[in-house]
Amino acid sequence: MRRAIRTKLRIISLGLFAVALLLVVRLYFVQIVHGHDYSLRAERQYVSSSQQLYDRGSIFFTRKDGTYLSAAGLATGFTLSMNPGLVRDPEATYTKLTTYLSLDRETFMASAAKTTDPYEVLAKRIPEDTGRAIEGANIPGINVERERWRSYPAGSSAAQSIGFVAYGAGEDTALKGRTGMERYYEEVLNRSSAGLFGNFFAELFANLDSVVVDAQTAREADIITSIDPVVQEKLDQVLKQVNDQYGSIETGGIIMDPKTGEIVALDTYPSFDASDIKNGNPEHFGNPLVEHRYEFGSIVKALTMASGLDSGAITPATTYNDTGCITVNTKPICNFDKKARGTVAMQEVLSQSLNVGSAFIAMQVGHERMRSYFRNLGMGEETGIDLPSEISGDLHNIETSPRDVEYSTAAFGQGIAQTPVEMIKALGALANHGSVVTPHLVTDKRFESGIKKDLAWGTPEKVFSPEATEATTRMLVRVVDTKLADGKLKIPEMTVAAKTGTAQIAAAGGKYSANLYFHSFFGYFPAYEPRYIILLYTRQPNGVQYASETLTHPFMDLTHFLINYYSIPPDRAVAE
């Protein structure tokens, strides 16, 4: 009997303890997690108790030490409004208000004349100090009320990828993410619940089950990106410098970890300031890194080389007779200078960027295998990156034509087109021992409980053998050590694999322009166990023909910066 009573008491005690624990956790969320929100809600500046503050999840950059920096969050201030029926002297009221902030006199007087309208908004997003000063002045008919809005502390930094929140038009007038990650992660960032602003005790006791539900199954969260704000700032500086120097239409770049697909910096220039979209150019609101495709030119030769080596169609010792120009299906294919080289080894195809040599490799590999390699690298399809409006590249020429000429030109990056993100995904296989990963920006979702959920981005897919990519990498290292700026930019303590690309731009009628070029440059380091891969491009630079002139020094500038910033140890003694 006593044992049964003790058992019942223990069960009751455990039940009371569980309830108490739930209440404590709930109080923690109400007082600590949401305490600031309740404080704002309680302030007497509110016009009505039903009014809600705007709420939305945050987007964070990640510094190299693992700490976060806000890229998109919430700013708090005040809205200034007027009840015209209570304003005794509009002129005096206007004069007094203008001691605190600037107001258009004509607009103010027009609002003051609407004496039957109890609520006229005079100004929004007023800073904290200014709003409190106006409230303290007790001006008859003038009210200040709490306001919260979307804030972009990063300004123009990665703005096309961060995106922005705005009202829509037509049938979709809601305030929500319209571009970038703001749009892609709308369901995660959106806050639809009004529970924060209900009765305190209702919040305290309602939904007690929510504290025991696995937070990782919740939809609403903040998002943590892999973008490093310091690296992002450096990339932005480099892109602007290149674009300004050569008067290009557009200059872009991506820096990615080739092993994981995490992007630490990406942008194009010109862009816009996300904190001031009203003055931004709508033409720049989109993201060329996923929404535009280009013929990248000779950087594709590195993939052609790896395809040839992996298939066994060639070896590093393979030679061919370079005649400067060849005719394929009645179409001429020439080296950039049309000069013959005679008997040439595979190294020179990359070192001298020989179109005839690339066509030779393509013909050795064959149509089906060449097409298969490019497809397996993700070329001609969307990458799956977490950005909206992504388009796929275009491999139409080699998918619909049985002719050798289409494969020959594709081998040196003409006649096929990729988005910049698609291009770095494919090139990343060279830096990842032959495996392709999914480029992405968000690494974690962070819930209000503090619990984080790592996002899964799939398993790397093997395309090339490690032996093929190592052989290709050794060739690309030699390009940097001996050919790039005549070897003057070689880093003695660090192996760097890189290749330039200069592509003619297709004009009307399908013909290529004689003086319009698309320049690209890619590279990775340390070459044999890469930490980062960089892709740069600039569209229609003026006064220069080759990418080696426009992008070599910007690439090396970024390389040295990343080596120093991340304290990447030297590898020359290990690798060679």
Protein backbone atom coordinates (compact mmCIF):
# COMPACT_ATOMS: atom_id res chain seq x y z
CA MET A 1 0.00 0.00 0.00
CA ARG A 2 2.75 2.46 1.00
CA ARG A 3 4.75 1.51 -2.08
CA ALA A 4 1.75 2.29 -4.32
CA ILE A 5 1.30 5.68 -2.62
CA ARG A 6 5.01 6.51 -3.06
CA THR A 7 4.77 5.55 -6.73
CA LYS A 8 1.75 7.83 -7.23
CA LEU A 9 3.54 10.68 -5.43
CA ARG A 10 6.58 10.24 -7.64
CA ILE A 11 4.43 10.31 -10.76
CA ILE A 12 2.64 13.44 -9.55
CA SER A 13 6.00 15.06 -8.64
CA LEU A 14 7.42 14.28 -12.05
CA GLY A 15 4.31 15.71 -13.69
CA LEU A 16 4.56 18.91 -11.62
CA PHE A 17 8.25 19.16 -12.42
CA ALA A 18 7.55 18.77 -16.14
CA VAL A 19 4.86 21.48 -16.03
CA ALA A 20 7.18 23.78 -14.08
CA LEU A 21 9.97 23.14 -16.60
CA LEU A 22 7.65 23.97 -19.49
CA LEU A 23 6.60 27.20 -17.78
CA VAL A 24 10.21 28.18 -17.14
CA VAL A 25 11.13 27.55 -20.77
CA ARG A 26 8.06 29.47 -21.91
CA LEU A 27 8.93 32.37 -19.63
CA TYR A 28 12.43 32.35 -21.04
CA PHE A 29 11.06 32.77 -24.55
CA VAL A 30 8.62 35.48 -23.48
CA GLN A 31 11.00 37.48 -21.31
CA ILE A 32 14.40 36.88 -22.89
CA VAL A 33 13.93 35.83 -26.50
CA HIS A 34 10.96 38.13 -27.18
CA GLY A 35 11.47 40.58 -24.34
CA HIS A 36 12.52 43.44 -26.60
CA ASP A 37 9.44 42.95 -28.77
CA TYR A 38 7.12 43.12 -25.79
CA SER A 39 8.92 46.21 -24.58
CA LEU A 40 8.37 47.94 -27.89
CA ARG A 41 4.76 46.85 -27.94
CA ALA A 42 4.13 48.27 -24.50
CA GLU A 43 5.41 51.74 -25.27
CA ARG A 44 2.71 54.42 -25.08
CA GLN A 45 3.54 55.74 -28.54
CA TYR A 46 1.28 53.09 -30.07
CA VAL A 47 -1.95 54.34 -31.59
CA SER A 48 -3.90 51.13 -31.00
CA SER A 49 -3.33 47.91 -29.14
CA SER A 50 -4.00 45.86 -32.26
CA GLN A 51 -1.10 47.34 -34.22
CA GLN A 52 1.75 44.97 -34.97
CA LEU A 53 5.40 45.61 -35.57
CA TYR A 54 6.85 44.31 -38.80
CA ASP A 55 8.79 41.11 -38.19
CA ARG A 56 11.06 38.98 -40.35
CA GLY A 57 13.98 36.61 -39.93
CA SER A 58 17.55 37.81 -40.38
CA ILE A 59 20.27 36.97 -42.90
CA PHE A 60 23.82 36.78 -41.61
CA PHE A 61 27.31 36.85 -43.08
CA THR A 62 29.87 34.61 -41.34
CA ARG A 63 33.29 35.92 -40.37
CA LYS A 64 36.31 33.63 -40.49
CA ASP A 65 36.20 33.25 -36.68
CA GLY A 66 32.65 31.88 -36.91
CA THR A 67 30.88 34.99 -35.62
CA TYR A 68 27.98 36.54 -37.51
CA LEU A 69 27.41 39.93 -39.08
CA SER A 70 23.96 41.11 -40.12
CA ALA A 71 23.38 41.35 -43.86
CA ALA A 72 19.61 41.80 -43.56
CA GLY A 73 17.74 42.49 -40.34
CA LEU A 74 15.28 44.83 -38.69
CA ALA A 75 15.69 48.51 -37.83
CA THR A 76 13.50 50.28 -35.30
CA GLY A 77 12.39 53.89 -35.27
CA PHE A 78 9.23 55.93 -35.44
CA THR A 79 6.45 57.05 -37.76
CA LEU A 80 5.35 60.67 -37.42
CA SER A 81 1.62 61.27 -37.86
CA MET A 82 -0.87 64.09 -37.36
CA ASN A 83 -4.52 64.42 -36.37
CA PRO A 84 -5.39 67.61 -38.30
CA GLY A 85 -8.50 68.22 -36.20
CA LEU A 86 -6.33 68.69 -33.09
CA VAL A 87 -3.75 71.00 -34.67
CA ARG A 88 -4.56 74.52 -33.48
CA ASP A 89 -1.93 76.43 -35.43
CA PRO A 90 -0.58 74.56 -38.50
CA GLU A 91 2.11 77.17 -39.20
CA ALA A 92 3.48 77.09 -35.67
CA THR A 93 3.27 73.29 -35.62
CA TYR A 94 5.18 73.06 -38.88
CA THR A 95 7.86 75.47 -37.62
CA LYS A 96 8.32 73.48 -34.42
CA LEU A 97 8.51 70.12 -36.21
CA THR A 98 11.16 71.38 -38.62
CA THR A 99 13.50 71.98 -35.71
CA TYR A 100 13.68 68.19 -35.42
CA LEU A 101 13.51 67.01 -39.04
CA SER A 102 13.00 68.19 -42.59
CA LEU A 103 9.41 68.30 -43.87
CA ASP A 104 7.98 69.62 -47.12
CA ARG A 105 5.86 72.65 -46.19
CA GLU A 106 3.34 72.27 -49.02
CA THR A 107 2.72 68.63 -48.23
CA PHE A 108 2.40 69.35 -44.50
CA MET A 109 -0.14 72.12 -45.05
CA ALA A 110 -2.17 69.93 -47.40
CA SER A 111 -2.35 67.27 -44.70
CA ALA A 112 -3.22 69.83 -42.01
CA ALA A 113 -6.16 70.98 -44.10
CA LYS A 114 -7.79 67.53 -43.91
CA THR A 115 -9.52 68.24 -40.62
CA THR A 116 -11.96 65.36 -41.00
CA ASP A 117 -9.15 62.82 -41.34
CA PRO A 118 -7.84 61.79 -37.89
CA TYR A 119 -4.66 60.21 -39.23
CA GLU A 120 -2.18 61.72 -41.69
CA VAL A 121 1.32 60.25 -42.00
CA LEU A 122 3.98 62.97 -42.18
CA ALA A 123 7.20 60.95 -42.14
CA LYS A 124 8.37 57.36 -41.71
CA ARG A 125 11.56 55.69 -40.50
CA ILE A 126 12.46 58.49 -38.14
CA PRO A 127 15.58 57.76 -36.06
CA GLU A 128 15.19 56.80 -32.40
CA ASP A 129 16.55 60.01 -30.88
CA THR A 130 14.53 62.26 -33.18
CA GLY A 131 11.30 60.38 -32.55
CA ARG A 132 11.71 60.49 -28.78
CA ALA A 133 12.52 64.21 -28.92
CA ILE A 134 9.33 64.95 -30.88
CA GLU A 135 7.29 62.78 -28.53
CA GLY A 136 8.74 64.63 -25.56
CA ALA A 137 7.77 68.00 -27.05
CA ASN A 138 4.03 67.16 -26.63
CA ILE A 139 2.95 69.03 -29.77
CA PRO A 140 -0.88 69.07 -30.00
CA GLY A 141 -2.20 66.83 -32.76
CA ILE A 142 1.21 65.27 -33.43
CA ASN A 143 1.93 61.62 -32.64
CA VAL A 144 4.93 59.34 -32.93
CA GLU A 145 4.44 55.60 -33.04
CA ARG A 146 6.79 52.67 -33.14
CA GLU A 147 7.82 51.42 -36.56
CA ARG A 148 10.11 48.58 -37.65
CA TRP A 149 11.38 47.97 -41.15
CA ARG A 150 13.78 45.81 -43.16
CA SER A 151 17.35 46.98 -42.86
CA TYR A 152 20.39 46.13 -44.99
CA PRO A 153 23.54 47.11 -43.09
CA ALA A 154 25.70 45.63 -45.86
CA GLY A 155 24.35 48.17 -48.37
CA SER A 156 25.53 47.20 -51.84
CA SER A 157 27.70 44.31 -50.67
CA ALA A 158 26.35 41.12 -52.28
CA ALA A 159 23.06 42.98 -52.72
CA GLN A 160 22.02 41.02 -55.80
CA SER A 161 22.37 37.79 -53.84
CA ILE A 162 20.95 39.04 -50.52
CA GLY A 163 18.02 40.60 -52.35
CA PHE A 164 15.40 42.91 -50.87
CA VAL A 165 11.86 43.02 -49.49
CA ALA A 166 9.25 45.16 -51.22
CA TYR A 167 5.54 45.48 -51.95
CA GLY A 168 4.37 43.92 -55.17
CA ALA A 169 1.98 45.08 -57.87
CA GLY A 170 -1.14 43.68 -59.47
CA GLU A 171 -2.50 40.65 -57.64
CA ASP A 172 0.62 40.13 -55.55
CA THR A 173 0.83 43.28 -53.41
CA ALA A 174 2.26 41.67 -50.27
CA LEU A 175 5.40 42.89 -48.56
CA LYS A 176 7.83 40.02 -49.06
CA GLY A 177 11.17 38.97 -50.52
CA ARG A 178 11.35 39.95 -54.16
CA THR A 179 14.90 39.09 -55.18
CA GLY A 180 17.91 37.12 -53.98
CA MET A 181 17.87 35.02 -50.83
CA GLU A 182 15.07 37.19 -49.48
CA ARG A 183 12.90 35.63 -52.17
CA TYR A 184 14.40 32.13 -52.23
CA TYR A 185 14.00 31.70 -48.46
CA GLU A 186 10.72 33.62 -48.14
CA GLU A 187 8.99 30.80 -46.27
CA VAL A 188 11.85 30.61 -43.78
CA LEU A 189 12.26 34.36 -43.23
CA ASN A 190 8.59 35.33 -43.25
CA ARG A 191 6.93 35.79 -39.86
CA SER A 192 3.20 35.26 -40.14
CA SER A 193 2.39 34.68 -36.47
CA ALA A 194 0.83 37.52 -34.48
CA GLY A 195 1.28 35.72 -31.18
CA LEU A 196 3.98 38.05 -29.96
CA PHE A 197 1.53 40.88 -29.69
CA GLY A 198 -1.32 39.13 -27.99
CA ASN A 199 -2.09 39.08 -24.29
CA PHE A 200 0.99 38.32 -22.18
CA PHE A 201 -0.65 35.50 -20.25
CA ALA A 202 -2.07 34.04 -23.44
CA GLU A 203 1.47 33.96 -24.81
CA LEU A 204 2.71 32.48 -21.56
CA PHE A 205 0.31 29.57 -21.45
CA ALA A 206 -0.62 29.06 -25.09
CA ASN A 207 1.09 26.47 -27.27
CA LEU A 208 3.03 24.88 -24.43
CA ASP A 209 3.63 21.96 -26.73
CA SER A 210 5.79 24.17 -28.95
CA VAL A 211 8.67 24.06 -26.48
CA VAL A 212 8.95 20.31 -26.74
CA VAL A 213 8.61 20.10 -30.52
CA ASP A 214 11.88 19.61 -32.36
CA ALA A 215 12.83 23.12 -33.43
CA GLN A 216 14.46 21.78 -36.55
CA THR A 217 11.05 20.91 -37.94
CA ALA A 218 9.87 24.51 -37.67
CA ARG A 219 9.66 26.64 -40.77
CA GLU A 220 10.55 30.09 -39.43
CA ALA A 221 14.24 30.77 -38.83
CA ASP A 222 17.16 33.08 -39.49
CA ILE A 223 19.57 32.01 -42.21
CA ILE A 224 23.36 31.86 -41.90
CA THR A 225 25.38 32.30 -45.07
CA SER A 226 28.94 31.27 -45.86
CA ILE A 227 29.67 34.78 -47.19
CA ASP A 228 32.61 36.32 -45.34
CA PRO A 229 32.05 40.11 -45.13
CA VAL A 230 35.76 40.91 -45.31
CA VAL A 231 36.34 38.77 -48.41
CA GLN A 232 33.13 40.13 -49.92
CA GLU A 233 34.34 43.70 -49.45
CA LYS A 234 37.66 42.87 -51.08
CA LEU A 235 35.97 41.20 -54.06
CA ASP A 236 33.68 44.21 -54.50
CA GLN A 237 36.68 46.54 -54.57
CA VAL A 238 38.41 44.43 -57.21
CA LEU A 239 35.32 44.17 -59.42
CA LYS A 240 34.69 47.91 -59.32
CA GLN A 241 38.32 48.65 -60.10
CA VAL A 242 38.31 46.39 -63.16
CA ASN A 243 34.98 47.70 -64.42
CA ASP A 244 35.98 51.33 -64.00
CA GLN A 245 39.42 50.85 -65.52
CA TYR A 246 38.18 49.22 -68.71
CA GLY A 247 34.70 50.68 -68.97
CA SER A 248 33.15 47.21 -69.10
CA ILE A 249 29.42 46.64 -69.27
CA GLU A 250 29.65 44.24 -66.33
CA THR A 251 32.31 42.59 -64.18
CA GLY A 252 31.64 39.67 -61.88
CA GLY A 253 33.32 37.19 -59.59
CA ILE A 254 32.77 34.19 -57.32
CA ILE A 255 35.05 32.76 -54.62
CA MET A 256 34.10 29.24 -53.52
CA ASP A 257 35.38 26.36 -51.42
CA PRO A 258 35.61 23.62 -54.10
CA LYS A 259 35.29 20.81 -51.58
CA THR A 260 31.98 21.93 -50.05
CA GLY A 261 30.49 24.36 -52.57
CA GLU A 262 30.27 27.08 -49.90
CA ILE A 263 30.60 30.49 -51.52
CA VAL A 264 32.54 33.03 -49.44
CA ALA A 265 32.04 35.97 -51.80
CA LEU A 266 30.14 36.72 -55.01
CA ASP A 267 28.97 39.81 -56.82
CA THR A 268 28.75 41.73 -60.05
CA TYR A 269 29.39 45.39 -60.76
CA PRO A 270 27.45 47.59 -61.29
CA SER A 271 24.94 46.62 -58.63
CA PHE A 272 22.67 48.56 -56.25
CA ASP A 273 22.37 49.56 -52.60
CA ALA A 274 19.79 47.30 -50.92
CA SER A 275 19.23 49.94 -48.23
CA ASP A 276 18.19 52.48 -50.88
CA ILE A 277 16.38 50.60 -53.64
CA LYS A 278 14.28 53.64 -54.57
CA ASN A 279 17.39 55.21 -56.06
CA GLY A 280 18.68 51.94 -57.53
CA ASN A 281 18.60 50.98 -61.19
CA PRO A 282 16.02 48.19 -61.66
CA GLU A 283 18.22 46.75 -64.41
CA HIS A 284 20.68 45.76 -61.69
CA PHE A 285 18.18 44.17 -59.30
CA GLY A 286 18.57 40.79 -60.99
CA ASN A 287 21.61 38.57 -60.52
CA PRO A 288 23.75 37.96 -63.64
CA LEU A 289 25.62 35.19 -61.82
CA VAL A 290 22.58 32.93 -62.19
CA GLU A 291 20.35 34.77 -64.67
CA HIS A 292 22.76 35.38 -67.57
CA ARG A 293 24.82 32.92 -69.58
CA TYR A 294 27.99 33.64 -71.51
CA GLU A 295 30.46 31.94 -73.81
CA PHE A 296 33.44 31.73 -71.46
CA GLY A 297 36.15 30.92 -73.96
CA SER A 298 39.47 29.33 -73.19
CA ILE A 299 38.99 28.52 -69.52
CA VAL A 300 36.89 25.62 -70.85
CA LYS A 301 40.12 24.17 -72.31
CA ALA A 302 41.04 22.98 -68.82
CA LEU A 303 37.87 20.86 -68.74
CA THR A 304 38.54 19.61 -72.25
CA MET A 305 42.02 18.56 -71.18
CA ALA A 306 40.71 16.72 -68.11
CA SER A 307 38.12 14.98 -70.28
CA GLY A 308 40.79 13.80 -72.68
CA LEU A 309 43.03 12.54 -69.89
CA ASP A 310 40.22 10.85 -67.98
CA SER A 311 38.89 9.07 -71.07
CA GLY A 312 42.34 7.79 -72.01
CA ALA A 313 42.08 9.48 -75.40
CA ILE A 314 45.28 11.38 -74.61
CA THR A 315 48.08 11.42 -72.05
CA PRO A 316 50.25 14.33 -70.93
CA ALA A 317 52.89 13.04 -73.38
CA THR A 318 50.53 13.02 -76.40
CA THR A 319 51.58 15.29 -79.26
CA TYR A 320 49.91 16.58 -82.41
CA ASN A 321 50.90 18.65 -85.41
CA ASP A 322 49.76 22.22 -84.90
CA THR A 323 49.28 23.95 -88.27
CA GLY A 324 47.83 27.17 -86.87
CA CYS A 325 44.51 26.67 -88.65
CA ILE A 326 42.44 23.65 -89.60
CA THR A 327 39.20 23.19 -91.51
CA VAL A 328 36.45 21.24 -89.81
CA ASN A 329 33.21 20.67 -91.74
CA THR A 330 34.21 23.50 -94.10
CA LYS A 331 34.65 25.87 -91.13
CA PRO A 332 38.08 27.30 -90.24
CA ILE A 333 39.37 26.85 -86.69
CA CYS A 334 42.48 28.82 -85.85
CA ASN A 335 44.76 29.65 -82.95
CA PHE A 336 44.36 33.18 -81.63
CA ASP A 337 47.36 34.32 -83.72
CA LYS A 338 46.84 31.79 -86.56
CA LYS A 339 50.47 30.70 -86.19
CA ALA A 340 51.57 27.10 -86.50
CA ARG A 341 53.57 25.48 -83.68
CA GLY A 342 54.56 22.21 -85.32
CA THR A 343 54.77 19.19 -83.07
CA VAL A 344 53.17 20.20 -79.80
CA ALA A 345 52.66 18.40 -76.46
CA MET A 346 49.50 18.73 -74.38
CA GLN A 347 51.08 21.18 -71.95
CA GLU A 348 51.31 23.77 -74.69
CA VAL A 349 47.58 23.52 -75.43
CA LEU A 350 47.04 25.20 -72.05
CA SER A 351 50.24 27.21 -71.80
CA GLN A 352 49.75 28.83 -75.22
CA SER A 353 45.96 28.47 -75.20
CA LEU A 354 45.80 26.71 -78.56
CA ASN A 355 42.40 26.33 -80.18
CA VAL A 356 43.70 23.81 -82.70
CA GLY A 357 45.02 21.68 -79.85
CA SER A 358 41.69 21.81 -78.04
CA ALA A 359 39.89 20.73 -81.22
CA PHE A 360 42.38 17.85 -81.54
CA ILE A 361 41.51 16.64 -78.01
CA ALA A 362 37.78 16.89 -78.71
CA MET A 363 38.09 14.74 -81.81
CA GLN A 364 40.13 12.16 -79.89
CA VAL A 365 37.55 12.00 -77.11
CA GLY A 366 34.61 11.73 -79.51
CA HIS A 367 31.16 13.25 -79.56
CA GLU A 368 29.31 11.06 -77.11
CA ARG A 369 32.01 11.04 -74.44
CA MET A 370 32.68 14.77 -74.79
CA ARG A 371 28.99 15.57 -74.42
CA SER A 372 28.73 13.21 -71.47
CA TYR A 373 31.64 14.83 -69.63
CA PHE A 374 30.19 18.31 -70.05
CA ARG A 375 26.76 17.14 -68.96
CA ASN A 376 28.14 15.33 -65.90
CA LEU A 377 29.95 18.53 -64.91
CA GLY A 378 26.54 20.21 -64.71
CA MET A 379 26.93 22.25 -67.87
CA GLY A 380 23.65 22.89 -69.65
CA GLU A 381 21.53 22.63 -66.51
CA GLU A 382 20.72 24.58 -63.36
CA THR A 383 23.18 24.15 -60.51
CA GLY A 384 20.60 24.10 -57.70
CA ILE A 385 22.18 27.09 -55.96
CA ASP A 386 19.92 28.76 -53.40
CA LEU A 387 19.16 31.83 -55.50
CA PRO A 388 15.96 32.49 -57.45
CA SER A 389 15.49 32.85 -61.21
CA GLU A 390 18.41 30.57 -62.07
CA ILE A 391 18.60 29.59 -65.73
CA SER A 392 20.48 26.71 -67.29
CA GLY A 393 23.43 26.91 -69.61
CA ASP A 394 23.19 26.12 -73.31
CA LEU A 395 24.79 23.03 -74.86
CA HIS A 396 22.41 23.06 -77.80
CA ASN A 397 25.20 23.04 -80.39
CA ILE A 398 26.69 19.74 -79.25
CA GLU A 399 23.38 18.13 -78.35
CA THR A 400 21.69 18.60 -81.70
CA SER A 401 24.52 18.53 -84.23
CA PRO A 402 26.48 15.47 -85.38
CA ARG A 403 29.23 17.64 -86.87
CA ASP A 404 32.79 17.77 -85.56
CA VAL A 405 32.96 21.55 -85.78
CA GLU A 406 30.49 22.13 -82.91
CA TYR A 407 32.51 19.88 -80.61
CA SER A 408 35.76 21.47 -81.73
CA THR A 409 34.58 24.98 -80.88
CA ALA A 410 32.95 23.83 -77.64
CA ALA A 411 36.35 22.45 -76.62
CA PHE A 412 37.66 26.01 -76.36
CA GLY A 413 34.49 27.53 -74.93
CA GLN A 414 32.76 28.97 -77.98
CA GLY A 415 29.31 27.96 -79.20
CA ILE A 416 28.26 26.83 -75.72
CA ALA A 417 27.20 29.13 -72.88
CA GLN A 418 27.06 28.84 -69.11
CA THR A 419 26.03 30.99 -66.18
CA PRO A 420 28.97 32.07 -63.99
CA VAL A 421 27.72 29.84 -61.15
CA GLU A 422 27.39 26.93 -63.55
CA MET A 423 30.93 27.58 -64.78
CA ILE A 424 32.52 27.60 -61.34
CA LYS A 425 30.64 24.44 -60.46
CA ALA A 426 32.14 22.65 -63.46
CA LEU A 427 35.65 24.05 -62.94
CA GLY A 428 35.42 23.15 -59.27
CA ALA A 429 35.76 19.48 -60.24
CA LEU A 430 39.40 20.16 -61.20
CA ALA A 431 40.01 21.53 -57.72
CA ASN A 432 38.16 18.72 -55.96
CA HIS A 433 39.92 15.65 -57.32
CA GLY A 434 37.30 15.18 -60.01
CA SER A 435 34.10 15.56 -57.95
CA VAL A 436 31.35 18.12 -58.57
CA VAL A 437 29.61 19.83 -55.64
CA THR A 438 26.58 22.13 -55.45
CA PRO A 439 27.44 25.82 -55.06
CA HIS A 440 25.43 27.38 -52.25
CA LEU A 441 25.20 30.37 -49.92
CA VAL A 442 23.29 29.24 -46.85
CA THR A 443 24.92 26.78 -44.46
CA ASP A 444 22.50 26.80 -41.51
CA LYS A 445 19.05 27.76 -40.37
CA ARG A 446 18.98 29.18 -36.83
CA PHE A 447 15.75 28.92 -34.88
CA GLU A 448 14.64 31.25 -32.08
CA SER A 449 15.57 28.58 -29.54
CA GLY A 450 19.18 28.90 -30.64
CA ILE A 451 19.16 25.48 -32.26
CA LYS A 452 20.80 25.36 -35.67
CA LYS A 453 20.04 23.02 -38.53
CA ASP A 454 22.80 22.35 -41.03
CA LEU A 455 21.54 22.28 -44.60
CA ALA A 456 22.44 19.29 -46.75
CA TRP A 457 23.67 20.04 -50.26
CA GLY A 458 23.95 16.56 -51.68
CA THR A 459 26.82 14.17 -52.18
CA PRO A 460 29.71 15.16 -54.48
CA GLU A 461 29.47 13.42 -57.85
CA LYS A 462 32.61 11.94 -59.40
CA VAL A 463 33.23 13.03 -62.99
CA PHE A 464 37.02 12.78 -63.45
CA SER A 465 39.55 10.46 -61.87
CA PRO A 466 41.95 12.01 -59.35
CA GLU A 467 44.79 11.12 -61.72
CA ALA A 468 43.23 13.11 -64.57
CA THR A 469 42.63 16.20 -62.42
CA GLU A 470 46.11 16.02 -60.90
CA ALA A 471 47.68 15.91 -64.35
CA THR A 472 45.51 18.84 -65.49
CA THR A 473 46.37 20.74 -62.33
CA ARG A 474 50.11 20.27 -62.92
CA MET A 475 49.67 21.76 -66.38
CA LEU A 476 47.74 24.72 -64.97
CA VAL A 477 50.40 25.29 -62.30
CA ARG A 478 53.00 25.40 -65.04
CA VAL A 479 50.87 27.97 -66.87
CA VAL A 480 51.11 30.26 -63.82
CA ASP A 481 54.77 29.52 -63.10
CA THR A 482 56.07 30.03 -66.63
CA LYS A 483 53.53 31.70 -68.93
CA LEU A 484 51.31 34.02 -66.91
CA ALA A 485 53.06 37.40 -67.16
CA ASP A 486 56.13 35.40 -68.23
CA GLY A 487 56.24 33.72 -64.84
CA LYS A 488 56.74 36.98 -62.96
CA LEU A 489 53.64 36.40 -60.82
CA LYS A 490 54.60 32.93 -59.62
CA ILE A 491 54.27 32.58 -55.84
CA PRO A 492 57.45 30.78 -54.68
CA GLU A 493 55.85 29.22 -51.61
CA MET A 494 52.40 28.44 -53.05
CA THR A 495 51.21 26.45 -56.07
CA VAL A 496 48.48 28.19 -58.01
CA ALA A 497 46.63 26.60 -60.94
CA ALA A 498 45.01 29.06 -63.35
CA LYS A 499 43.86 29.76 -66.89
CA THR A 500 42.69 32.82 -68.82
CA GLY A 501 39.81 32.92 -71.27
CA THR A 502 39.07 35.32 -74.11
CA ALA A 503 35.87 34.72 -76.06
CA GLN A 504 34.42 36.59 -79.00
CA ILE A 505 30.89 37.82 -78.41
CA ALA A 506 28.18 36.66 -80.78
CA ALA A 507 26.57 39.51 -82.69
CA ALA A 508 23.36 39.71 -84.70
CA GLY A 509 22.89 36.94 -87.23
CA GLY A 510 24.98 34.46 -85.26
CA LYS A 511 28.30 35.91 -86.40
CA TYR A 512 31.00 36.85 -83.91
CA SER A 513 32.04 40.45 -83.46
CA ALA A 514 35.60 41.26 -84.46
CA ASN A 515 36.22 43.65 -81.57
CA LEU A 516 33.85 42.72 -78.72
CA TYR A 517 35.21 40.29 -76.13
CA PHE A 518 34.20 38.47 -72.99
CA HIS A 519 37.17 37.94 -70.64
CA SER A 520 37.33 35.27 -67.97
CA PHE A 521 39.90 33.93 -65.53
CA PHE A 522 39.78 31.03 -63.10
CA GLY A 523 42.24 29.54 -60.67
CA TYR A 524 42.59 27.60 -57.43
CA PHE A 525 45.13 27.20 -54.65
CA PRO A 526 46.97 25.55 -53.04
CA ALA A 527 46.82 23.73 -56.33
CA TYR A 528 46.89 20.13 -55.09
CA GLU A 529 44.67 20.55 -52.02
CA PRO A 530 42.74 23.72 -52.85
CA ARG A 531 41.09 25.90 -50.26
CA TYR A 532 39.49 28.25 -52.75
CA ILE A 533 38.62 28.55 -56.41
CA ILE A 534 38.12 31.97 -57.97
CA LEU A 535 36.20 32.83 -61.15
CA LEU A 536 36.37 36.34 -62.58
CA TYR A 537 34.91 37.80 -65.76
CA THR A 538 34.43 41.15 -67.41
CA ARG A 539 32.10 41.81 -70.34
CA GLN A 540 33.12 44.01 -73.26
CA PRO A 541 36.16 45.76 -71.77
CA ASN A 542 37.42 48.65 -73.86
CA GLY A 543 40.88 49.02 -75.36
CA VAL A 544 42.11 45.49 -74.59
CA GLN A 545 41.75 42.17 -76.38
CA TYR A 546 42.95 39.48 -73.99
CA ALA A 547 41.87 38.43 -70.52
CA SER A 548 45.51 38.21 -69.47
CA GLU A 549 45.56 42.02 -69.71
CA THR A 550 42.42 42.69 -67.69
CA LEU A 551 42.10 39.92 -65.08
CA THR A 552 45.56 38.51 -64.30
CA HIS A 553 46.51 41.07 -61.68
CA PRO A 554 43.02 41.20 -60.09
CA PHE A 555 43.12 37.41 -59.75
CA MET A 556 46.57 37.44 -58.17
CA ASP A 557 45.55 40.31 -55.89
CA LEU A 558 42.64 38.23 -54.60
CA THR A 559 44.85 35.15 -54.29
CA HIS A 560 47.43 36.94 -52.14
CA PHE A 561 44.65 38.47 -50.06
CA LEU A 562 43.02 35.11 -49.35
CA ILE A 563 46.34 33.46 -48.52
CA ASN A 564 47.10 36.16 -45.97
CA TYR A 565 43.57 36.55 -44.61
CA TYR A 566 43.05 32.84 -43.99
CA SER A 567 46.71 32.17 -43.10
CA ILE A 568 46.94 29.40 -45.71
CA PRO A 569 50.24 27.57 -45.20
CA PRO A 570 52.73 27.19 -48.08
CA ASP A 571 52.70 23.96 -50.06
CA ARG A 572 55.58 24.13 -52.54
CA ALA A 573 57.88 21.84 -50.54
CA VAL A 574 55.05 19.30 -50.17
CA ALA A 575 53.69 19.43 -53.68
CA GLU A 576 56.91 19.48 -55.71
